[in-house]
Amino acid sequence: MSESLGIIQLGPTADYSTEKLKERLSPKFPHYEVKTVTAMDTPAMAYDSFREQYHSTRILAFLEEYAQTVRMDHILGVASFDLYVPGMNFVFGEARCPGGVAVISTYRLRVKRLDDSDLFASRILKEAVHEIGHMMGLRHCTEPSCVMYFSERLADTDRKGDDFCAECESKMKWLEVE
């Protein structure tokens, strides 16, 4: 029996379809039953008015509670608002490693030109795959083309691929049999 992965829009506005993300993630994680989940309100308890950002670790705690109510093995939250963790100006996403929840933000992945929707979609896919990799227990990789490479800035995200390198892929295979 495959594990479930729910993709949920956080907040009232979406700048990328969770349905499109589901379609792109399903072939990458065939051992998951990938589903979209009804959108939910922005978790207000995660908002920091001084920073005007949302604390992603608080969102993870919120998603852990939510995952129990919808009986999903894993939840990936997709937010269009800006995320941070203490000690960093921002994050593209965060996940429990290993664990059952992750969140990504499209806020800093946006493109300047409207005709560059493929680049925007590529960035979202890379960050989603990266955070799901963390949920499965993978750490950051030193190979710049691997999706598990740490993205400090958009150039890092744009340079890396949306697949795991051979070493991370072999770890994924090992994780799948557990």
C-alpha atoms as a PDB file:
ATOM      1  CA  MET A   1       0.000   0.000   0.000  1.00  0.00           C
ATOM      2  CA  SER A   2       1.395   3.389  -0.968  1.00  0.00           C
ATOM      3  CA  GLU A   3       1.709   6.284   1.403  1.00  0.00           C
ATOM      4  CA  SER A   4      -0.366   9.406   0.873  1.00  0.00           C
ATOM      5  CA  LEU A   5       1.020  12.863   0.153  1.00  0.00           C
ATOM      6  CA  GLY A   6      -1.450  15.711   0.406  1.00  0.00           C
ATOM      7  CA  ILE A   7      -0.711  19.038  -1.254  1.00  0.00           C
ATOM      8  CA  ILE A   8      -2.533  21.926   0.368  1.00  0.00           C
ATOM      9  CA  GLN A   9      -2.746  25.597  -0.531  1.00  0.00           C
ATOM     10  CA  LEU A  10      -2.172  27.775   2.527  1.00  0.00           C
ATOM     11  CA  GLY A  11      -3.993  31.086   2.436  1.00  0.00           C
ATOM     12  CA  PRO A  12      -6.666  32.568   0.214  1.00  0.00           C
ATOM     13  CA  THR A  13      -4.461  33.432  -2.749  1.00  0.00           C
ATOM     14  CA  ALA A  14      -2.667  30.978  -4.980  1.00  0.00           C
ATOM     15  CA  ASP A  15      -0.211  31.933  -7.682  1.00  0.00           C
ATOM     16  CA  TYR A  16       0.348  28.310  -8.745  1.00  0.00           C
ATOM     17  CA  SER A  17      -2.164  25.487  -9.002  1.00  0.00           C
ATOM     18  CA  THR A  18      -1.779  22.672  -6.467  1.00  0.00           C
ATOM     19  CA  GLU A  19      -3.424  20.444  -9.085  1.00  0.00           C
ATOM     20  CA  LYS A  20      -0.599  21.209 -11.552  1.00  0.00           C
ATOM     21  CA  LEU A  21       1.957  20.538  -8.832  1.00  0.00           C
ATOM     22  CA  LYS A  22       0.277  17.215  -8.062  1.00  0.00           C
ATOM     23  CA  GLU A  23       0.514  16.217 -11.729  1.00  0.00           C
ATOM     24  CA  ARG A  24       4.219  17.062 -11.807  1.00  0.00           C
ATOM     25  CA  LEU A  25       5.059  15.394  -8.479  1.00  0.00           C
ATOM     26  CA  SER A  26       3.184  12.111  -9.016  1.00  0.00           C
ATOM     27  CA  PRO A  27       5.687  10.615 -11.517  1.00  0.00           C
ATOM     28  CA  LYS A  28       8.628  11.672  -9.345  1.00  0.00           C
ATOM     29  CA  PHE A  29       7.230   9.858  -6.301  1.00  0.00           C
ATOM     30  CA  PRO A  30       5.371   6.801  -7.641  1.00  0.00           C
ATOM     31  CA  HIS A  31       5.315   5.208  -4.168  1.00  0.00           C
ATOM     32  CA  TYR A  32       3.081   8.063  -2.937  1.00  0.00           C
ATOM     33  CA  GLU A  33      -0.579   8.530  -3.662  1.00  0.00           C
ATOM     34  CA  VAL A  34      -0.412  12.265  -4.354  1.00  0.00           C
ATOM     35  CA  LYS A  35      -3.645  14.173  -3.697  1.00  0.00           C
ATOM     36  CA  THR A  36      -4.691  17.776  -3.457  1.00  0.00           C
ATOM     37  CA  VAL A  37      -6.383  18.793  -0.226  1.00  0.00           C
ATOM     38  CA  THR A  38      -8.903  21.597   0.229  1.00  0.00           C
ATOM     39  CA  ALA A  39      -7.182  24.946   0.764  1.00  0.00           C
ATOM     40  CA  MET A  40      -7.020  26.331   4.278  1.00  0.00           C
ATOM     41  CA  ASP A  41      -6.704  29.742   5.851  1.00  0.00           C
ATOM     42  CA  THR A  42      -3.315  31.280   6.444  1.00  0.00           C
ATOM     43  CA  PRO A  43      -2.064  30.104   9.849  1.00  0.00           C
ATOM     44  CA  ALA A  44      -2.237  33.460  11.688  1.00  0.00           C
ATOM     45  CA  MET A  45      -0.232  32.181  14.661  1.00  0.00           C
ATOM     46  CA  ALA A  46       2.828  31.928  12.411  1.00  0.00           C
ATOM     47  CA  TYR A  47       2.807  35.600  11.379  1.00  0.00           C
ATOM     48  CA  ASP A  48       5.533  37.885  12.683  1.00  0.00           C
ATOM     49  CA  SER A  49       4.307  41.468  12.262  1.00  0.00           C
ATOM     50  CA  PHE A  50       7.770  42.925  12.919  1.00  0.00           C
ATOM     51  CA  ARG A  51       9.303  40.923  10.055  1.00  0.00           C
ATOM     52  CA  GLU A  52       6.126  40.852   7.944  1.00  0.00           C
ATOM     53  CA  GLN A  53       6.854  37.174   7.284  1.00  0.00           C
ATOM     54  CA  TYR A  54       5.564  33.811   8.436  1.00  0.00           C
ATOM     55  CA  HIS A  55       7.638  31.537  10.694  1.00  0.00           C
ATOM     56  CA  SER A  56       7.822  28.298   8.712  1.00  0.00           C
ATOM     57  CA  THR A  57       8.556  26.066  11.717  1.00  0.00           C
ATOM     58  CA  ARG A  58       5.287  27.179  13.314  1.00  0.00           C
ATOM     59  CA  ILE A  59       3.509  26.302  10.084  1.00  0.00           C
ATOM     60  CA  LEU A  60       5.030  22.819  10.234  1.00  0.00           C
ATOM     61  CA  ALA A  61       3.590  22.323  13.737  1.00  0.00           C
ATOM     62  CA  PHE A  62       0.216  23.500  12.436  1.00  0.00           C
ATOM     63  CA  LEU A  63       0.415  21.069   9.493  1.00  0.00           C
ATOM     64  CA  GLU A  64       1.334  18.168  11.799  1.00  0.00           C
ATOM     65  CA  GLU A  65      -1.893  18.667  13.723  1.00  0.00           C
ATOM     66  CA  TYR A  66      -3.851  19.026  10.498  1.00  0.00           C
ATOM     67  CA  ALA A  67      -2.335  15.849   8.980  1.00  0.00           C
ATOM     68  CA  GLN A  68      -3.826  13.823  11.827  1.00  0.00           C
ATOM     69  CA  THR A  69      -7.332  15.130  11.153  1.00  0.00           C
ATOM     70  CA  VAL A  70      -7.246  14.307   7.426  1.00  0.00           C
ATOM     71  CA  ARG A  71      -5.393  11.018   7.883  1.00  0.00           C
ATOM     72  CA  MET A  72      -2.572  11.757   5.472  1.00  0.00           C
ATOM     73  CA  ASP A  73       0.890  10.283   5.853  1.00  0.00           C
ATOM     74  CA  HIS A  74       2.568  13.422   4.508  1.00  0.00           C
ATOM     75  CA  ILE A  75       1.447  17.003   3.881  1.00  0.00           C
ATOM     76  CA  LEU A  76       3.139  19.589   1.655  1.00  0.00           C
ATOM     77  CA  GLY A  77       1.854  23.106   2.244  1.00  0.00           C
ATOM     78  CA  VAL A  78       2.147  25.602  -0.594  1.00  0.00           C
ATOM     79  CA  ALA A  79       2.103  29.259   0.438  1.00  0.00           C
ATOM     80  CA  SER A  80       2.273  32.447  -1.592  1.00  0.00           C
ATOM     81  CA  PHE A  81       3.485  34.461   1.419  1.00  0.00           C
ATOM     82  CA  ASP A  82       7.075  34.971   2.588  1.00  0.00           C
ATOM     83  CA  LEU A  83       8.633  32.451   5.020  1.00  0.00           C
ATOM     84  CA  TYR A  84      11.529  32.658   7.462  1.00  0.00           C
ATOM     85  CA  VAL A  85      13.270  30.757  10.214  1.00  0.00           C
ATOM     86  CA  PRO A  86      15.181  32.547  12.982  1.00  0.00           C
ATOM     87  CA  GLY A  87      18.711  33.350  11.895  1.00  0.00           C
ATOM     88  CA  MET A  88      17.834  33.602   8.199  1.00  0.00           C
ATOM     89  CA  ASN A  89      16.311  36.425   6.181  1.00  0.00           C
ATOM     90  CA  PHE A  90      13.986  34.006   4.381  1.00  0.00           C
ATOM     91  CA  VAL A  91      13.559  30.392   3.331  1.00  0.00           C
ATOM     92  CA  PHE A  92      12.084  28.896   0.172  1.00  0.00           C
ATOM     93  CA  GLY A  93      10.725  26.056   2.288  1.00  0.00           C
ATOM     94  CA  GLU A  94      11.197  23.872   5.335  1.00  0.00           C
ATOM     95  CA  ALA A  95      10.460  20.253   6.225  1.00  0.00           C
ATOM     96  CA  ARG A  96      10.688  17.862   9.109  1.00  0.00           C
ATOM     97  CA  CYS A  97      13.674  15.654   8.296  1.00  0.00           C
ATOM     98  CA  PRO A  98      12.567  12.953   8.430  1.00  0.00           C
ATOM     99  CA  GLY A  99       8.925  13.603   9.036  1.00  0.00           C
ATOM    100  CA  GLY A 100       5.475  14.023   7.661  1.00  0.00           C
ATOM    101  CA  VAL A 101       5.188  17.734   6.889  1.00  0.00           C
ATOM    102  CA  ALA A 102       6.813  20.374   4.724  1.00  0.00           C
ATOM    103  CA  VAL A 103       5.996  23.832   3.443  1.00  0.00           C
ATOM    104  CA  ILE A 104       7.222  25.761   0.424  1.00  0.00           C
ATOM    105  CA  SER A 105       6.678  29.384  -0.481  1.00  0.00           C
ATOM    106  CA  THR A 106       6.218  30.708  -4.004  1.00  0.00           C
ATOM    107  CA  TYR A 107       6.814  34.275  -2.779  1.00  0.00           C
ATOM    108  CA  ARG A 108      10.518  34.479  -3.682  1.00  0.00           C
ATOM    109  CA  LEU A 109      10.272  32.040  -6.595  1.00  0.00           C
ATOM    110  CA  ARG A 110       8.220  34.441  -8.704  1.00  0.00           C
ATOM    111  CA  VAL A 111       9.574  35.699 -12.000  1.00  0.00           C
ATOM    112  CA  LYS A 112       9.709  39.293 -13.138  1.00  0.00           C
ATOM    113  CA  ARG A 113       8.331  38.677 -16.635  1.00  0.00           C
ATOM    114  CA  LEU A 114       4.817  37.312 -17.027  1.00  0.00           C
ATOM    115  CA  ASP A 115       5.863  35.238 -20.043  1.00  0.00           C
ATOM    116  CA  ASP A 116       8.293  33.222 -17.904  1.00  0.00           C
ATOM    117  CA  SER A 117       5.717  30.893 -16.334  1.00  0.00           C
ATOM    118  CA  ASP A 118       7.831  27.819 -17.192  1.00  0.00           C
ATOM    119  CA  LEU A 119      10.675  29.121 -15.021  1.00  0.00           C
ATOM    120  CA  PHE A 120       8.251  29.804 -12.158  1.00  0.00           C
ATOM    121  CA  ALA A 121       6.791  26.285 -12.457  1.00  0.00           C
ATOM    122  CA  SER A 122      10.294  24.793 -12.570  1.00  0.00           C
ATOM    123  CA  ARG A 123      11.325  26.586  -9.387  1.00  0.00           C
ATOM    124  CA  ILE A 124       8.209  25.432  -7.556  1.00  0.00           C
ATOM    125  CA  LEU A 125       8.743  21.825  -8.622  1.00  0.00           C
ATOM    126  CA  LYS A 126      12.388  21.889  -7.512  1.00  0.00           C
ATOM    127  CA  GLU A 127      11.528  23.288  -4.091  1.00  0.00           C
ATOM    128  CA  ALA A 128       8.659  20.817  -3.637  1.00  0.00           C
ATOM    129  CA  VAL A 129      10.856  17.830  -4.579  1.00  0.00           C
ATOM    130  CA  HIS A 130      13.625  19.177  -2.308  1.00  0.00           C
ATOM    131  CA  GLU A 131      11.324  19.443   0.718  1.00  0.00           C
ATOM    132  CA  ILE A 132       9.729  16.034   0.059  1.00  0.00           C
ATOM    133  CA  GLY A 133      13.274  14.647  -0.059  1.00  0.00           C
ATOM    134  CA  HIS A 134      13.817  16.092   3.408  1.00  0.00           C
ATOM    135  CA  MET A 135      10.553  14.514   4.630  1.00  0.00           C
ATOM    136  CA  MET A 136      11.971  11.201   3.451  1.00  0.00           C
ATOM    137  CA  GLY A 137      15.148  11.765   5.458  1.00  0.00           C
ATOM    138  CA  LEU A 138      17.526  13.131   2.834  1.00  0.00           C
ATOM    139  CA  ARG A 139      19.944  15.856   3.898  1.00  0.00           C
ATOM    140  CA  HIS A 140      21.446  18.597   1.737  1.00  0.00           C
ATOM    141  CA  CYS A 141      23.722  17.391  -1.041  1.00  0.00           C
ATOM    142  CA  THR A 142      27.038  18.904  -2.129  1.00  0.00           C
ATOM    143  CA  GLU A 143      26.348  18.244  -5.840  1.00  0.00           C
ATOM    144  CA  PRO A 144      25.162  21.603  -7.295  1.00  0.00           C
ATOM    145  CA  SER A 145      22.951  19.932  -9.929  1.00  0.00           C
ATOM    146  CA  CYS A 146      21.115  17.730  -7.396  1.00  0.00           C
ATOM    147  CA  VAL A 147      17.667  18.828  -6.273  1.00  0.00           C
ATOM    148  CA  MET A 148      18.836  18.333  -2.668  1.00  0.00           C
ATOM    149  CA  TYR A 149      21.499  21.033  -3.034  1.00  0.00           C
ATOM    150  CA  PHE A 150      20.824  23.892  -0.599  1.00  0.00           C
ATOM    151  CA  SER A 151      19.426  26.965  -2.360  1.00  0.00           C
ATOM    152  CA  GLU A 152      20.670  30.091  -0.676  1.00  0.00           C
ATOM    153  CA  ARG A 153      19.425  32.246  -3.563  1.00  0.00           C
ATOM    154  CA  LEU A 154      17.381  31.865  -6.741  1.00  0.00           C
ATOM    155  CA  ALA A 155      20.491  31.306  -8.861  1.00  0.00           C
ATOM    156  CA  ASP A 156      21.106  28.094  -6.880  1.00  0.00           C
ATOM    157  CA  THR A 157      17.547  26.932  -7.525  1.00  0.00           C
ATOM    158  CA  ASP A 158      17.754  27.801 -11.214  1.00  0.00           C
ATOM    159  CA  ARG A 159      21.086  25.979 -11.619  1.00  0.00           C
ATOM    160  CA  LYS A 160      20.081  22.720  -9.995  1.00  0.00           C
ATOM    161  CA  GLY A 161      17.886  20.093 -11.588  1.00  0.00           C
ATOM    162  CA  ASP A 162      14.571  18.705 -10.394  1.00  0.00           C
ATOM    163  CA  ASP A 163      15.950  15.184  -9.910  1.00  0.00           C
ATOM    164  CA  PHE A 164      18.117  13.520  -7.289  1.00  0.00           C
ATOM    165  CA  CYS A 165      21.775  12.837  -8.081  1.00  0.00           C
ATOM    166  CA  ALA A 166      22.830   9.180  -8.225  1.00  0.00           C
ATOM    167  CA  GLU A 167      23.911   9.153  -4.574  1.00  0.00           C
ATOM    168  CA  CYS A 168      20.673  10.729  -3.303  1.00  0.00           C
ATOM    169  CA  GLU A 169      18.637   8.502  -5.621  1.00  0.00           C
ATOM    170  CA  SER A 170      20.302   5.426  -4.107  1.00  0.00           C
ATOM    171  CA  LYS A 171      19.409   6.704  -0.634  1.00  0.00           C
ATOM    172  CA  MET A 172      15.821   7.224  -1.837  1.00  0.00           C
ATOM    173  CA  LYS A 173      15.625   3.618  -3.030  1.00  0.00           C
ATOM    174  CA  TRP A 174      16.873   2.492   0.379  1.00  0.00           C
ATOM    175  CA  LEU A 175      14.296   4.683   2.130  1.00  0.00           C
ATOM    176  CA  GLU A 176      11.434   3.393  -0.056  1.00  0.00           C
ATOM    177  CA  VAL A 177      11.841  -0.209   1.113  1.00  0.00           C
ATOM    178  CA  GLU A 178      11.464   0.618   4.783  1.00  0.00           C
END
